[in-house]
C-alpha atoms as a PDB file:
ATOM      1  CA  MET A   1     -68.348 143.684  56.689  1.00  0.00           C
ATOM      2  CA  GLU A   2     -70.086 143.006  53.442  1.00  0.00           C
ATOM      3  CA  LYS A   3     -70.602 139.279  53.988  1.00  0.00           C
ATOM      4  CA  HIS A   4     -74.305 139.402  54.657  1.00  0.00           C
ATOM      5  CA  SER A   5     -76.273 141.865  52.561  1.00  0.00           C
ATOM      6  CA  ALA A   6     -79.525 140.976  54.167  1.00  0.00           C
ATOM      7  CA  THR A   7     -78.190 141.180  57.737  1.00  0.00           C
ATOM      8  CA  SER A   8     -75.725 144.013  57.317  1.00  0.00           C
ATOM      9  CA  LYS A   9     -77.991 146.234  59.477  1.00  0.00           C
ATOM     10  CA  VAL A  10     -77.967 143.736  62.302  1.00  0.00           C
ATOM     11  CA  GLU A  11     -75.042 143.196  64.662  1.00  0.00           C
ATOM     12  CA  LEU A  12     -74.484 139.449  64.850  1.00  0.00           C
ATOM     13  CA  THR A  13     -72.446 137.731  67.534  1.00  0.00           C
ATOM     14  CA  PRO A  14     -69.984 134.961  66.324  1.00  0.00           C
ATOM     15  CA  GLN A  15     -72.391 132.507  67.858  1.00  0.00           C
ATOM     16  CA  GLN A  16     -75.403 133.744  65.943  1.00  0.00           C
ATOM     17  CA  GLU A  17     -73.333 134.002  62.790  1.00  0.00           C
ATOM     18  CA  ALA A  18     -72.233 130.447  63.128  1.00  0.00           C
ATOM     19  CA  MET A  19     -75.751 129.312  63.744  1.00  0.00           C
ATOM     20  CA  LEU A  20     -77.029 131.241  60.792  1.00  0.00           C
ATOM     21  CA  ALA A  21     -74.283 129.723  58.545  1.00  0.00           C
ATOM     22  CA  LYS A  22     -75.146 126.208  59.902  1.00  0.00           C
ATOM     23  CA  TRP A  23     -78.805 126.510  59.215  1.00  0.00           C
ATOM     24  CA  SER A  24     -78.339 128.066  55.800  1.00  0.00           C
ATOM     25  CA  TYR A  25     -76.054 125.127  54.961  1.00  0.00           C
ATOM     26  CA  VAL A  26     -78.634 122.601  56.366  1.00  0.00           C
ATOM     27  CA  TYR A  27     -81.378 124.351  54.360  1.00  0.00           C
ATOM     28  CA  ARG A  28     -79.409 124.162  51.166  1.00  0.00           C
ATOM     29  CA  PHE A  29     -78.467 120.558  51.711  1.00  0.00           C
ATOM     30  CA  SER A  30     -82.029 119.462  52.496  1.00  0.00           C
ATOM     31  CA  SER A  31     -83.354 121.295  49.560  1.00  0.00           C
ATOM     32  CA  LEU A  32     -81.101 119.205  47.322  1.00  0.00           C
ATOM     33  CA  LEU A  33     -82.617 115.924  48.769  1.00  0.00           C
ATOM     34  CA  VAL A  34     -86.223 116.920  48.061  1.00  0.00           C
END
């Protein structure tokens, strides 16, 4: 599992991974609007 280099040490549940992906997407999208 080399997807997340920053969180490779932490075991993420599918729910947490989905939430993390959602918020990273929201953060990227909102940063484009500013």
